[in-house]
Protein backbone atom coordinates (compact mmCIF):
# COMPACT_ATOMS: atom_id res chain seq x y z
CA UNK A 1 95.72 141.16 149.57
CA UNK A 2 93.59 138.65 151.47
CA UNK A 3 92.76 135.59 149.41
CA UNK A 4 89.52 133.74 149.94
CA UNK A 5 89.45 130.08 150.91
CA UNK A 6 87.55 127.39 149.04
CA UNK A 7 84.92 127.38 151.80
CA UNK A 8 84.53 131.17 151.74
CA UNK A 9 84.11 131.18 147.96
CA UNK A 10 81.50 128.44 148.31
CA UNK A 11 79.60 130.53 150.87
CA UNK A 12 79.77 133.56 148.58
CA UNK A 13 78.61 131.59 145.56
CA UNK A 14 75.69 130.05 147.45
CA UNK A 15 74.73 133.37 149.09
CA UNK A 16 75.36 132.06 152.60
CA UNK A 17 77.92 134.80 153.24
CA UNK A 18 76.43 138.10 154.48
CA UNK A 19 75.62 140.58 151.71
CA UNK A 20 78.38 143.07 152.54
CA UNK A 21 81.01 140.31 152.63
CA UNK A 22 79.71 138.96 149.29
CA UNK A 23 80.13 142.41 147.76
CA UNK A 24 83.72 142.56 148.99
CA UNK A 25 84.38 139.03 147.77
CA UNK A 26 83.01 139.78 144.29
CA UNK A 27 85.08 142.96 144.16
CA UNK A 28 88.15 140.94 145.13
CA UNK A 29 87.42 138.32 142.46
CA UNK A 30 87.51 140.99 139.76
CA UNK A 31 91.10 141.72 140.66
CA UNK A 32 92.50 138.37 141.80
CA UNK A 33 93.26 135.66 139.25
CA UNK A 34 94.21 133.18 141.99
CA UNK A 35 90.81 133.41 143.65
CA UNK A 36 89.04 133.30 140.28
CA UNK A 37 90.95 130.10 139.51
CA UNK A 38 89.90 128.64 142.87
CA UNK A 39 86.29 129.62 142.19
CA UNK A 40 86.48 127.92 138.81
CA UNK A 41 87.82 124.78 140.50
CA UNK A 42 84.91 124.94 142.96
CA UNK A 43 82.42 125.16 140.10
CA UNK A 44 84.07 122.20 138.33
CA UNK A 45 84.00 120.18 141.55
CA UNK A 46 80.30 120.93 142.04
CA UNK A 47 79.54 119.90 138.45
CA UNK A 48 81.41 116.63 139.00
CA UNK A 49 79.38 115.97 142.15
CA UNK A 50 76.15 116.56 140.20
CA UNK A 51 77.28 114.12 137.51
CA UNK A 52 78.24 111.48 140.06
CA UNK A 53 74.84 111.82 141.77
CA UNK A 54 73.04 111.47 138.44
CA UNK A 55 74.94 108.29 137.58
CA UNK A 56 74.36 106.91 141.08
CA UNK A 57 70.61 107.59 140.81
CA UNK A 58 70.40 105.94 137.39
CA UNK A 59 72.29 102.91 138.64
CA UNK A 60 70.01 102.57 141.67
CA UNK A 61 66.95 102.88 139.45
CA UNK A 62 68.21 100.13 137.15
CA UNK A 63 68.74 97.84 140.13
CA UNK A 64 65.23 98.42 141.52
CA UNK A 65 62.90 100.46 139.29
CA UNK A 66 59.94 99.91 141.66
CA UNK A 67 61.40 102.09 144.43
C-alpha cells in the first residue's frame, strides 16, 4: 500500500491535488491509520502556525498600534 507524504496530504487537504487523486487519497485515508496519523499531525502543525501568527501580530500591534 502506497503511503502519502506530508506534502501530498497537505495538497489533498487544501484541494491543490487534482480531484481524482484527492478521491484516491481520501479512500486511502479511510483504510490507513498511519496516513490518518500523519494528517492529524499536519492539522496540529497548521493550528500551531496559526497560533504563532496570532501572537506575533498581537505583539507587533502592542509595539506600534498606529501601524
